[in-house]
Amino acid sequence: MDSAATHQLNRALLASAFGLGLLIASSTSVSACSLSLVLAMDVSASVDATEHDLQLNGLADALTDPSVMTAIGNVGGIWLTSFEWSGRYNQKTQLDWRFLVNEADIKAAADVIAAQPRSQTEFPTALGYALGHASVLLTRAPETCERNVIDMAGDGVTNDGFGPSSAYKAFPLADVTVNGLVIGEDQNAIRYYHDEVIHGPGAFIEITDSFEGYRDAMIRKLLREIRGDQFALNLP
C-alpha cells in the first residue's frame, strides 16, 4: 500500500474512532441519573407528635402520589435518601440511598419512611448542621447525577449552632440546589428560608400554612425538583 493510501486509511480509522467516542460519550450522558435528592425533615422541639406524624405520613403519601411516581419514571429514575434533623448532633437516617424508578421501588421506600420512629423530641433547630449532614450524604451517593438537590423542611429559624451561611462556606455545596418547605405562617421563618436557606441553581421555597397541608406542599415540591422546572419564589 502506497503512502497516500496509507494516509487515507489512517484518516478513516481516526474518523471512525472519533465517531465511536462521540457515540459512547452521548450514551454515557443519556444513561446518567438525572437527580440525587436528599430529603431533610424537621423534628425539633417545636414539632409535636401529631405534627411529626403529619410530616412523616405526608412525605410517604407524597412519594406514592401517582403524579410523583409518573414524574420519577419519566426521568428514568432518581436516587433518594431521607433523614430527620433537630439539634447540632441530632440527625438520623430514615431511608438510606435507594434508586427509585418504578412503582414497586417507590412504594417500598415510602413504607420504610412511614415506619420510622422519631428519634428525638427535645432538641432545638440547627439548620446549619442539618445542611452539613445533607452535604456529607451527597458525597456518599452511589452515582454521580446531573443534579444534586437538598430538600429542607422546617417551621422555624436556626437557634442552635452555626447557620446556613456558615454551612455554605464550610461544605461542598456550591453546585448543589437547596430548596425549602416552610411549615406555618410565621413571616420570619418564610423570610429566613428565602434569604438564608435556599441556595444554588433554580432554588425555591414552597409554603404550607399548616402541617395538615404538608402532603400537598411536598407533592408540589417533589414535582418541581424531579422535573427540574425550579424557579425561585420572589417575595416582596
Protein backbone atom coordinates (compact mmCIF):
# COMPACT_ATOMS: atom_id res chain seq x y z
CA MET A 1 0.00 0.00 0.00
CA ASP A 2 1.50 3.40 -1.03
CA SER A 3 1.87 6.30 1.40
CA ALA A 4 -1.18 8.18 0.06
CA ALA A 5 -3.43 5.16 0.53
CA THR A 6 -1.98 4.55 3.98
CA HIS A 7 -2.65 8.19 4.92
CA GLN A 8 -6.25 7.93 3.74
CA LEU A 9 -6.75 4.70 5.69
CA ASN A 10 -5.36 6.29 8.87
CA ARG A 11 -7.68 9.27 8.46
CA ALA A 12 -10.65 6.95 8.02
CA LEU A 13 -9.72 4.96 11.12
CA LEU A 14 -9.31 8.16 13.18
CA ALA A 15 -12.66 9.47 11.98
CA SER A 16 -14.29 6.17 12.86
CA ALA A 17 -12.70 6.15 16.32
CA PHE A 18 -13.74 9.77 16.89
CA GLY A 19 -17.32 8.97 15.91
CA LEU A 20 -17.36 5.96 18.23
CA GLY A 21 -16.06 8.16 21.05
CA LEU A 22 -18.87 10.64 20.49
CA LEU A 23 -21.38 7.82 20.48
CA ILE A 24 -20.04 6.42 23.75
CA ALA A 25 -19.99 9.88 25.36
CA SER A 26 -23.54 10.53 24.20
CA SER A 27 -24.68 7.16 25.51
CA THR A 28 -22.99 7.80 28.86
CA SER A 29 -24.66 11.20 29.17
CA VAL A 30 -28.09 9.80 28.41
CA SER A 31 -27.74 6.92 30.84
CA ALA A 32 -26.52 9.10 33.75
CA CYS A 33 -29.08 9.57 36.52
CA SER A 34 -30.91 12.87 36.49
CA LEU A 35 -31.22 13.58 40.22
CA SER A 36 -29.77 12.82 43.63
CA LEU A 37 -32.32 14.08 46.17
CA VAL A 38 -31.80 14.44 49.93
CA LEU A 39 -34.96 14.96 52.00
CA ALA A 40 -34.45 16.59 55.41
CA MET A 41 -37.34 16.56 57.91
CA ASP A 42 -37.54 18.85 60.95
CA VAL A 43 -38.15 17.01 64.25
CA SER A 44 -37.04 19.80 66.60
CA ALA A 45 -38.83 20.55 69.87
CA SER A 46 -41.30 22.89 68.14
CA VAL A 47 -42.78 19.90 66.27
CA ASP A 48 -45.24 17.95 68.42
CA ALA A 49 -46.16 14.28 67.97
CA THR A 50 -49.21 14.94 65.79
CA GLU A 51 -47.25 17.32 63.57
CA HIS A 52 -44.44 14.81 63.24
CA ASP A 53 -46.85 12.11 62.11
CA LEU A 54 -48.38 14.50 59.57
CA GLN A 55 -44.90 15.14 58.18
CA LEU A 56 -43.84 11.51 58.09
CA ASN A 57 -47.04 10.18 56.56
CA GLY A 58 -47.33 13.22 54.33
CA LEU A 59 -43.91 12.53 52.85
CA ALA A 60 -44.69 8.85 52.29
CA ASP A 61 -48.03 9.73 50.71
CA ALA A 62 -46.43 12.38 48.51
CA LEU A 63 -43.86 9.92 47.16
CA THR A 64 -46.60 7.48 46.18
CA ASP A 65 -48.86 10.09 44.62
CA PRO A 66 -49.48 8.99 41.00
CA SER A 67 -48.17 12.27 39.58
CA VAL A 68 -44.91 11.96 41.52
CA MET A 69 -44.41 8.31 40.57
CA THR A 70 -45.03 9.18 36.93
CA ALA A 71 -42.52 12.03 37.09
CA ILE A 72 -39.88 9.72 38.57
CA GLY A 73 -40.44 7.19 35.80
CA ASN A 74 -40.36 9.87 33.11
CA VAL A 75 -36.83 10.99 34.08
CA GLY A 76 -35.56 7.42 34.19
CA GLY A 77 -35.44 7.20 37.98
CA ILE A 78 -33.81 9.14 40.83
CA TRP A 79 -31.54 8.46 43.78
CA LEU A 80 -33.23 9.30 47.10
CA THR A 81 -32.27 9.42 50.76
CA SER A 82 -34.11 10.91 53.74
CA PHE A 83 -33.16 11.92 57.28
CA GLU A 84 -34.65 13.71 60.27
CA TRP A 85 -32.85 16.57 61.98
CA SER A 86 -33.09 18.82 65.03
CA GLY A 87 -30.10 19.85 67.23
CA ARG A 88 -26.43 20.13 66.32
CA TYR A 89 -25.64 16.45 66.58
CA ASN A 90 -29.13 15.05 66.04
CA GLN A 91 -29.51 13.71 62.51
CA LYS A 92 -30.91 10.24 61.87
CA THR A 93 -31.33 8.38 58.60
CA GLN A 94 -34.89 7.46 57.68
CA LEU A 95 -34.09 5.98 54.27
CA ASP A 96 -30.62 5.16 53.03
CA TRP A 97 -29.76 5.83 49.39
CA ARG A 98 -32.13 4.00 47.05
CA PHE A 99 -32.64 4.17 43.31
CA LEU A 100 -36.33 4.65 42.56
CA VAL A 101 -37.63 4.05 39.05
CA ASN A 102 -40.92 2.13 39.25
CA GLU A 103 -43.98 1.85 41.45
CA ALA A 104 -42.62 -1.07 43.47
CA ASP A 105 -39.37 0.79 44.26
CA ILE A 106 -41.20 3.95 45.28
CA LYS A 107 -43.81 2.25 47.45
CA ALA A 108 -41.13 0.20 49.21
CA ALA A 109 -39.16 3.37 50.00
CA ALA A 110 -42.31 5.14 51.21
CA ASP A 111 -43.12 2.21 53.50
CA VAL A 112 -39.65 2.40 55.06
CA ILE A 113 -40.01 6.14 55.70
CA ALA A 114 -43.52 5.82 57.16
CA ALA A 115 -42.35 3.12 59.58
CA GLN A 116 -39.50 5.18 61.07
CA PRO A 117 -39.82 6.03 64.78
CA ARG A 118 -38.98 9.55 65.83
CA SER A 119 -35.52 9.62 67.41
CA GLN A 120 -35.63 12.95 69.29
CA THR A 121 -38.23 15.34 70.71
CA GLU A 122 -36.43 17.86 72.88
CA PHE A 123 -33.67 19.44 70.75
CA PRO A 124 -33.58 22.91 69.13
CA THR A 125 -33.25 23.91 65.45
CA ALA A 126 -29.75 23.57 63.98
CA LEU A 127 -30.28 24.23 60.28
CA GLY A 128 -26.58 24.75 59.53
CA TYR A 129 -25.67 21.36 60.96
CA ALA A 130 -28.52 19.73 59.02
CA LEU A 131 -27.20 21.24 55.79
CA GLY A 132 -23.73 19.99 56.60
CA HIS A 133 -25.09 16.50 57.19
CA ALA A 134 -27.00 16.61 53.92
CA SER A 135 -23.83 17.65 52.11
CA VAL A 136 -21.97 14.65 53.51
CA LEU A 137 -24.79 12.37 52.37
CA LEU A 138 -24.49 13.72 48.82
CA THR A 139 -20.79 12.84 48.76
CA ARG A 140 -21.82 9.26 49.55
CA ALA A 141 -24.40 8.97 46.77
CA PRO A 142 -23.85 5.75 44.81
CA GLU A 143 -23.84 7.55 41.46
CA THR A 144 -22.97 11.00 40.15
CA CYS A 145 -26.17 12.59 38.86
CA GLU A 146 -26.86 15.60 36.67
CA ARG A 147 -28.45 17.49 39.57
CA ASN A 148 -27.94 17.37 43.33
CA VAL A 149 -30.81 18.74 45.41
CA ILE A 150 -31.36 19.07 49.17
CA ASP A 151 -34.96 19.45 50.30
CA MET A 152 -35.06 21.25 53.69
CA ALA A 153 -38.39 21.24 55.53
CA GLY A 154 -38.96 23.13 58.78
CA ASP A 155 -41.12 25.50 60.80
CA GLY A 156 -38.56 27.87 62.28
CA VAL A 157 -35.15 29.56 62.13
CA THR A 158 -31.76 28.46 63.41
CA ASN A 159 -31.47 28.74 67.19
CA ASP A 160 -28.60 26.30 67.78
CA GLY A 161 -25.08 26.29 66.34
CA PHE A 162 -23.94 27.90 63.10
CA GLY A 163 -26.41 29.00 60.46
CA PRO A 164 -26.82 28.20 56.76
CA SER A 165 -24.33 30.84 55.57
CA SER A 166 -21.55 29.15 57.54
CA ALA A 167 -22.57 25.75 56.17
CA TYR A 168 -22.33 27.06 52.61
CA LYS A 169 -18.77 28.23 53.32
CA ALA A 170 -17.67 25.06 55.09
CA PHE A 171 -19.20 22.29 52.95
CA PRO A 172 -19.03 21.48 49.20
CA LEU A 173 -22.42 22.93 48.31
CA ALA A 174 -21.51 25.35 45.52
CA ASP A 175 -23.24 23.34 42.78
CA VAL A 176 -26.00 21.94 44.98
CA THR A 177 -29.55 23.28 44.91
CA VAL A 178 -31.15 23.68 48.34
CA ASN A 179 -34.91 24.17 48.34
CA GLY A 180 -37.10 24.91 51.35
CA LEU A 181 -40.51 23.82 52.54
CA VAL A 182 -41.72 26.24 55.22
CA ILE A 183 -44.45 24.97 57.53
CA GLY A 184 -46.71 27.61 59.07
CA GLU A 185 -47.41 31.29 58.52
CA ASP A 186 -44.50 32.72 60.52
CA GLN A 187 -43.24 35.51 58.26
CA ASN A 188 -39.85 35.45 59.98
CA ALA A 189 -39.42 31.79 59.07
CA ILE A 190 -40.56 32.39 55.49
CA ARG A 191 -38.17 35.30 55.09
CA TYR A 192 -35.35 33.32 56.73
CA TYR A 193 -35.76 30.39 54.35
CA HIS A 194 -35.92 32.75 51.38
CA ASP A 195 -32.90 34.85 52.41
CA GLU A 196 -30.70 32.34 54.24
CA VAL A 197 -31.63 28.74 53.43
CA ILE A 198 -32.39 28.31 49.73
CA HIS A 199 -29.26 28.19 47.64
CA GLY A 200 -27.93 27.29 44.23
CA PRO A 201 -29.31 26.91 40.70
CA GLY A 202 -33.10 27.30 40.49
CA ALA A 203 -33.63 27.26 44.27
CA PHE A 204 -37.15 27.95 45.53
CA ILE A 205 -39.35 27.69 48.61
CA GLU A 206 -42.71 26.03 48.98
CA ILE A 207 -45.03 27.18 51.78
CA THR A 208 -47.82 25.37 53.59
CA ASP A 209 -49.81 27.23 56.22
CA SER A 210 -50.09 24.14 58.44
CA PHE A 211 -48.78 20.63 58.97
CA GLU A 212 -52.12 19.38 57.61
CA GLY A 213 -51.10 20.76 54.22
CA TYR A 214 -47.66 19.14 54.30
CA ARG A 215 -48.54 16.32 51.90
CA ASP A 216 -49.87 18.59 49.16
CA ALA A 217 -46.96 21.01 49.53
CA MET A 218 -44.49 18.14 49.33
CA ILE A 219 -46.15 16.85 46.15
CA ARG A 220 -45.77 20.27 44.54
CA LYS A 221 -42.18 20.47 45.68
CA LEU A 222 -41.20 16.98 44.55
CA LEU A 223 -42.69 17.50 41.12
CA ARG A 224 -40.65 20.65 40.57
CA GLU A 225 -37.47 19.00 41.86
CA ILE A 226 -37.86 15.80 39.87
CA ARG A 227 -38.76 17.54 36.62
CA GLY A 228 -36.13 20.21 37.11
CA ASP A 229 -38.56 23.07 36.46
CA GLN A 230 -37.44 25.03 39.51
CA PHE A 231 -37.86 28.77 39.84
CA ALA A 232 -37.06 30.92 42.87
CA LEU A 233 -40.03 32.43 44.67
CA ASN A 234 -39.85 36.21 44.59
CA LEU A 235 -41.09 37.75 47.81
CA PRO A 236 -41.92 41.43 48.23
